[in-house]
Amino acid sequence: LGEGITGWVAQHRETVLVNDVTKD
């Protein structure tokens, strides 16, 4: 929970769309 984009989405329950992970 909270780790990486998937963990962040699980923790915050918000959709994330990142088209360049180096610029997240």
PDB file of all heavy atoms in Angstrom:
ATOM      1  N   LEU A   1       0.844  -1.186   0.000  1.00  0.00           N
ATOM      2  CA  LEU A   1       0.000   0.000   0.000  1.00  0.00           C
ATOM      3  C   LEU A   1       0.885   1.244   0.000  1.00  0.00           C
ATOM      4  O   LEU A   1       1.797   1.363   0.819  1.00  0.00           O
ATOM      5  CB  LEU A   1      -0.915  -0.007   1.228  1.00  0.00           C
ATOM      6  CG  LEU A   1      -2.048   0.996   1.234  1.00  0.00           C
ATOM      7  CD1 LEU A   1      -3.032   0.701   0.102  1.00  0.00           C
ATOM      8  CD2 LEU A   1      -2.776   0.971   2.559  1.00  0.00           C
ATOM      9  N   GLY A   2       0.663   2.127  -0.955  1.00  0.00           N
ATOM     10  CA  GLY A   2       1.442   3.358  -1.055  1.00  0.00           C
ATOM     11  C   GLY A   2       2.712   3.227  -1.872  1.00  0.00           C
ATOM     12  O   GLY A   2       3.352   4.225  -2.187  1.00  0.00           O
ATOM     13  N   GLU A   3       3.083   2.014  -2.275  1.00  0.00           N
ATOM     14  CA  GLU A   3       4.328   1.793  -3.004  1.00  0.00           C
ATOM     15  C   GLU A   3       4.079   1.795  -4.511  1.00  0.00           C
ATOM     16  O   GLU A   3       3.218   1.075  -5.007  1.00  0.00           O
ATOM     17  CB  GLU A   3       4.919   0.453  -2.584  1.00  0.00           C
ATOM     18  CG  GLU A   3       6.212   0.101  -3.270  1.00  0.00           C
ATOM     19  CD  GLU A   3       6.738  -1.244  -2.815  1.00  0.00           C
ATOM     20  OE1 GLU A   3       6.241  -2.277  -3.293  1.00  0.00           O
ATOM     21  OE2 GLU A   3       7.631  -1.249  -1.951  1.00  0.00           O
ATOM     22  N   GLY A   4       4.813   2.603  -5.238  1.00  0.00           N
ATOM     23  CA  GLY A   4       4.656   2.695  -6.680  1.00  0.00           C
ATOM     24  C   GLY A   4       3.317   3.322  -7.039  1.00  0.00           C
ATOM     25  O   GLY A   4       2.544   3.742  -6.177  1.00  0.00           O
ATOM     26  N   ILE A   5       3.039   3.403  -8.318  1.00  0.00           N
ATOM     27  CA  ILE A   5       1.780   4.003  -8.772  1.00  0.00           C
ATOM     28  C   ILE A   5       0.592   3.145  -8.341  1.00  0.00           C
ATOM     29  O   ILE A   5      -0.406   3.659  -7.841  1.00  0.00           O
ATOM     30  CB  ILE A   5       1.803   4.219 -10.300  1.00  0.00           C
ATOM     31  CG1 ILE A   5       2.845   5.306 -10.644  1.00  0.00           C
ATOM     32  CG2 ILE A   5       0.419   4.605 -10.820  1.00  0.00           C
ATOM     33  CD1 ILE A   5       3.088   5.530 -12.111  1.00  0.00           C
ATOM     34  N   THR A   6       0.706   1.832  -8.477  1.00  0.00           N
ATOM     35  CA  THR A   6      -0.396   0.952  -8.093  1.00  0.00           C
ATOM     36  C   THR A   6      -0.697   1.060  -6.608  1.00  0.00           C
ATOM     37  O   THR A   6      -1.855   1.167  -6.207  1.00  0.00           O
ATOM     38  CB  THR A   6      -0.069  -0.510  -8.464  1.00  0.00           C
ATOM     39  OG1 THR A   6       0.249  -0.569  -9.859  1.00  0.00           O
ATOM     40  CG2 THR A   6      -1.227  -1.428  -8.169  1.00  0.00           C
ATOM     41  N   GLY A   7       0.326   1.058  -5.786  1.00  0.00           N
ATOM     42  CA  GLY A   7       0.133   1.198  -4.346  1.00  0.00           C
ATOM     43  C   GLY A   7      -0.432   2.554  -3.962  1.00  0.00           C
ATOM     44  O   GLY A   7      -1.242   2.678  -3.042  1.00  0.00           O
ATOM     45  N   TRP A   8      -0.011   3.601  -4.699  1.00  0.00           N
ATOM     46  CA  TRP A   8      -0.530   4.943  -4.447  1.00  0.00           C
ATOM     47  C   TRP A   8      -2.023   4.997  -4.770  1.00  0.00           C
ATOM     48  O   TRP A   8      -2.820   5.548  -4.005  1.00  0.00           O
ATOM     49  CB  TRP A   8       0.225   5.977  -5.278  1.00  0.00           C
ATOM     50  CG  TRP A   8      -0.127   7.391  -4.935  1.00  0.00           C
ATOM     51  CD1 TRP A   8       0.526   8.191  -4.058  1.00  0.00           C
ATOM     52  CD2 TRP A   8      -1.225   8.166  -5.451  1.00  0.00           C
ATOM     53  NE1 TRP A   8      -0.096   9.430  -3.984  1.00  0.00           N
ATOM     54  CE2 TRP A   8      -1.174   9.427  -4.835  1.00  0.00           C
ATOM     55  CE3 TRP A   8      -2.229   7.909  -6.375  1.00  0.00           C
ATOM     56  CZ2 TRP A   8      -2.101  10.430  -5.112  1.00  0.00           C
ATOM     57  CZ3 TRP A   8      -3.161   8.898  -6.638  1.00  0.00           C
ATOM     58  CH2 TRP A   8      -3.081  10.150  -6.008  1.00  0.00           C
ATOM     59  N   VAL A   9      -2.418   4.399  -5.903  1.00  0.00           N
ATOM     60  CA  VAL A   9      -3.828   4.370  -6.296  1.00  0.00           C
ATOM     61  C   VAL A   9      -4.643   3.595  -5.268  1.00  0.00           C
ATOM     62  O   VAL A   9      -5.739   4.014  -4.891  1.00  0.00           O
ATOM     63  CB  VAL A   9      -3.984   3.782  -7.716  1.00  0.00           C
ATOM     64  CG1 VAL A   9      -5.431   3.443  -8.030  1.00  0.00           C
ATOM     65  CG2 VAL A   9      -3.430   4.762  -8.745  1.00  0.00           C
ATOM     66  N   ALA A  10      -4.122   2.474  -4.787  1.00  0.00           N
ATOM     67  CA  ALA A  10      -4.817   1.696  -3.764  1.00  0.00           C
ATOM     68  C   ALA A  10      -4.996   2.518  -2.488  1.00  0.00           C
ATOM     69  O   ALA A  10      -6.062   2.507  -1.879  1.00  0.00           O
ATOM     70  CB  ALA A  10      -4.051   0.411  -3.464  1.00  0.00           C
ATOM     71  N   GLN A  11      -3.986   3.242  -2.101  1.00  0.00           N
ATOM     72  CA  GLN A  11      -4.036   4.028  -0.867  1.00  0.00           C
ATOM     73  C   GLN A  11      -4.979   5.231  -0.995  1.00  0.00           C
ATOM     74  O   GLN A  11      -5.765   5.506  -0.102  1.00  0.00           O
ATOM     75  CB  GLN A  11      -2.637   4.510  -0.496  1.00  0.00           C
ATOM     76  CG  GLN A  11      -2.578   5.248   0.820  1.00  0.00           C
ATOM     77  CD  GLN A  11      -1.153   5.602   1.196  1.00  0.00           C
ATOM     78  OE1 GLN A  11      -0.306   5.841   0.340  1.00  0.00           O
ATOM     79  NE2 GLN A  11      -0.884   5.623   2.485  1.00  0.00           N
ATOM     80  N   HIS A  12      -4.898   5.931  -2.127  1.00  0.00           N
ATOM     81  CA  HIS A  12      -5.663   7.178  -2.292  1.00  0.00           C
ATOM     82  C   HIS A  12      -6.984   6.987  -3.024  1.00  0.00           C
ATOM     83  O   HIS A  12      -7.808   7.909  -3.063  1.00  0.00           O
ATOM     84  CB  HIS A  12      -4.806   8.212  -3.027  1.00  0.00           C
ATOM     85  CG  HIS A  12      -3.607   8.622  -2.248  1.00  0.00           C
ATOM     86  ND1 HIS A  12      -3.646   9.600  -1.290  1.00  0.00           N
ATOM     87  CD2 HIS A  12      -2.339   8.165  -2.252  1.00  0.00           C
ATOM     88  CE1 HIS A  12      -2.451   9.743  -0.750  1.00  0.00           C
ATOM     89  NE2 HIS A  12      -1.635   8.867  -1.315  1.00  0.00           N
ATOM     90  N   ARG A  13      -7.161   5.809  -3.633  1.00  0.00           N
ATOM     91  CA  ARG A  13      -8.391   5.481  -4.353  1.00  0.00           C
ATOM     92  C   ARG A  13      -8.729   6.505  -5.427  1.00  0.00           C
ATOM     93  O   ARG A  13      -9.871   6.921  -5.591  1.00  0.00           O
ATOM     94  CB  ARG A  13      -9.537   5.300  -3.375  1.00  0.00           C
ATOM     95  CG  ARG A  13      -9.265   4.152  -2.426  1.00  0.00           C
ATOM     96  CD  ARG A  13     -10.265   4.014  -1.374  1.00  0.00           C
ATOM     97  NE  ARG A  13      -9.803   2.956  -0.468  1.00  0.00           N
ATOM     98  CZ  ARG A  13     -10.433   2.599   0.620  1.00  0.00           C
ATOM     99  NH1 ARG A  13     -11.547   3.180   0.941  1.00  0.00           N
ATOM    100  NH2 ARG A  13      -9.947   1.660   1.375  1.00  0.00           N
ATOM    101  N   GLU A  14      -7.698   6.901  -6.160  1.00  0.00           N
ATOM    102  CA  GLU A  14      -7.831   7.846  -7.265  1.00  0.00           C
ATOM    103  C   GLU A  14      -7.149   7.264  -8.502  1.00  0.00           C
ATOM    104  O   GLU A  14      -6.090   6.655  -8.398  1.00  0.00           O
ATOM    105  CB  GLU A  14      -7.157   9.179  -6.932  1.00  0.00           C
ATOM    106  CG  GLU A  14      -7.778   9.934  -5.779  1.00  0.00           C
ATOM    107  CD  GLU A  14      -7.008  11.203  -5.450  1.00  0.00           C
ATOM    108  OE1 GLU A  14      -6.299  11.743  -6.326  1.00  0.00           O
ATOM    109  OE2 GLU A  14      -7.100  11.646  -4.297  1.00  0.00           O
ATOM    110  N   THR A  15      -7.742   7.498  -9.655  1.00  0.00           N
ATOM    111  CA  THR A  15      -7.156   7.057 -10.916  1.00  0.00           C
ATOM    112  C   THR A  15      -5.898   7.861 -11.221  1.00  0.00           C
ATOM    113  O   THR A  15      -5.835   9.059 -10.958  1.00  0.00           O
ATOM    114  CB  THR A  15      -8.165   7.245 -12.066  1.00  0.00           C
ATOM    115  OG1 THR A  15      -9.301   6.420 -11.800  1.00  0.00           O
ATOM    116  CG2 THR A  15      -7.564   6.872 -13.409  1.00  0.00           C
ATOM    117  N   VAL A  16      -4.902   7.183 -11.775  1.00  0.00           N
ATOM    118  CA  VAL A  16      -3.668   7.854 -12.202  1.00  0.00           C
ATOM    119  C   VAL A  16      -3.384   7.461 -13.648  1.00  0.00           C
ATOM    120  O   VAL A  16      -3.388   6.280 -13.991  1.00  0.00           O
ATOM    121  CB  VAL A  16      -2.477   7.465 -11.299  1.00  0.00           C
ATOM    122  CG1 VAL A  16      -1.169   7.963 -11.887  1.00  0.00           C
ATOM    123  CG2 VAL A  16      -2.662   8.002  -9.897  1.00  0.00           C
ATOM    124  N   LEU A  17      -3.138   8.468 -14.477  1.00  0.00           N
ATOM    125  CA  LEU A  17      -2.734   8.279 -15.862  1.00  0.00           C
ATOM    126  C   LEU A  17      -1.396   8.990 -16.032  1.00  0.00           C
ATOM    127  O   LEU A  17      -1.307  10.199 -15.885  1.00  0.00           O
ATOM    128  CB  LEU A  17      -3.770   8.873 -16.823  1.00  0.00           C
ATOM    129  CG  LEU A  17      -3.389   8.981 -18.295  1.00  0.00           C
ATOM    130  CD1 LEU A  17      -3.048   7.623 -18.882  1.00  0.00           C
ATOM    131  CD2 LEU A  17      -4.510   9.631 -19.084  1.00  0.00           C
ATOM    132  N   VAL A  18      -0.346   8.210 -16.293  1.00  0.00           N
ATOM    133  CA  VAL A  18       0.999   8.765 -16.459  1.00  0.00           C
ATOM    134  C   VAL A  18       1.522   8.291 -17.805  1.00  0.00           C
ATOM    135  O   VAL A  18       1.719   7.096 -18.012  1.00  0.00           O
ATOM    136  CB  VAL A  18       1.947   8.300 -15.329  1.00  0.00           C
ATOM    137  CG1 VAL A  18       3.335   8.877 -15.529  1.00  0.00           C
ATOM    138  CG2 VAL A  18       1.399   8.675 -13.962  1.00  0.00           C
ATOM    139  N   ASN A  19       1.737   9.215 -18.716  1.00  0.00           N
ATOM    140  CA  ASN A  19       2.199   8.835 -20.052  1.00  0.00           C
ATOM    141  C   ASN A  19       3.703   8.901 -20.221  1.00  0.00           C
ATOM    142  O   ASN A  19       4.227   8.553 -21.268  1.00  0.00           O
ATOM    143  CB  ASN A  19       1.496   9.669 -21.118  1.00  0.00           C
ATOM    144  CG  ASN A  19       0.212   9.002 -21.526  1.00  0.00           C
ATOM    145  OD1 ASN A  19       0.175   7.802 -21.761  1.00  0.00           O
ATOM    146  ND2 ASN A  19      -0.862   9.763 -21.586  1.00  0.00           N
ATOM    147  N   ASP A  20       4.403   9.335 -19.201  1.00  0.00           N
ATOM    148  CA  ASP A  20       5.864   9.270 -19.168  1.00  0.00           C
ATOM    149  C   ASP A  20       6.260   9.162 -17.704  1.00  0.00           C
ATOM    150  O   ASP A  20       6.266  10.160 -16.980  1.00  0.00           O
ATOM    151  CB  ASP A  20       6.491  10.511 -19.807  1.00  0.00           C
ATOM    152  CG  ASP A  20       8.011  10.436 -19.873  1.00  0.00           C
ATOM    153  OD1 ASP A  20       8.603   9.531 -19.228  1.00  0.00           O
ATOM    154  OD2 ASP A  20       8.610  11.276 -20.554  1.00  0.00           O
ATOM    155  N   VAL A  21       6.541   7.941 -17.267  1.00  0.00           N
ATOM    156  CA  VAL A  21       6.788   7.715 -15.840  1.00  0.00           C
ATOM    157  C   VAL A  21       8.002   8.484 -15.326  1.00  0.00           C
ATOM    158  O   VAL A  21       8.092   8.765 -14.136  1.00  0.00           O
ATOM    159  CB  VAL A  21       6.921   6.208 -15.511  1.00  0.00           C
ATOM    160  CG1 VAL A  21       5.613   5.483 -15.793  1.00  0.00           C
ATOM    161  CG2 VAL A  21       8.080   5.576 -16.249  1.00  0.00           C
ATOM    162  N   THR A  22       8.912   8.875 -16.217  1.00  0.00           N
ATOM    163  CA  THR A  22      10.081   9.644 -15.775  1.00  0.00           C
ATOM    164  C   THR A  22       9.691  11.076 -15.419  1.00  0.00           C
ATOM    165  O   THR A  22      10.453  11.771 -14.760  1.00  0.00           O
ATOM    166  CB  THR A  22      11.184   9.680 -16.855  1.00  0.00           C
ATOM    167  OG1 THR A  22      10.688  10.363 -18.018  1.00  0.00           O
ATOM    168  CG2 THR A  22      11.640   8.280 -17.220  1.00  0.00           C
ATOM    169  N   LYS A  23       8.500  11.505 -15.851  1.00  0.00           N
ATOM    170  CA  LYS A  23       8.042  12.863 -15.565  1.00  0.00           C
ATOM    171  C   LYS A  23       6.837  12.881 -14.629  1.00  0.00           C
ATOM    172  O   LYS A  23       6.137  13.880 -14.535  1.00  0.00           O
ATOM    173  CB  LYS A  23       7.693  13.579 -16.867  1.00  0.00           C
ATOM    174  CG  LYS A  23       8.889  13.766 -17.765  1.00  0.00           C
ATOM    175  CD  LYS A  23       8.512  14.446 -19.054  1.00  0.00           C
ATOM    176  CE  LYS A  23       9.760  14.584 -19.942  1.00  0.00           C
ATOM    177  NZ  LYS A  23       9.436  15.126 -21.245  1.00  0.00           N
ATOM    178  N   ASP A  24       6.596  11.772 -13.914  1.00  0.00           N
ATOM    179  CA  ASP A  24       5.478  11.696 -12.977  1.00  0.00           C
ATOM    180  C   ASP A  24       5.704  12.701 -11.855  1.00  0.00           C
ATOM    181  O   ASP A  24       6.688  12.617 -11.116  1.00  0.00           O
ATOM    182  CB  ASP A  24       5.351  10.283 -12.414  1.00  0.00           C
ATOM    183  CG  ASP A  24       4.251  10.159 -11.378  1.00  0.00           C
ATOM    184  OD1 ASP A  24       3.236  10.876 -11.488  1.00  0.00           O
ATOM    185  OD2 ASP A  24       4.418   9.338 -10.457  1.00  0.00           O
TER     186      ASP A  24
END
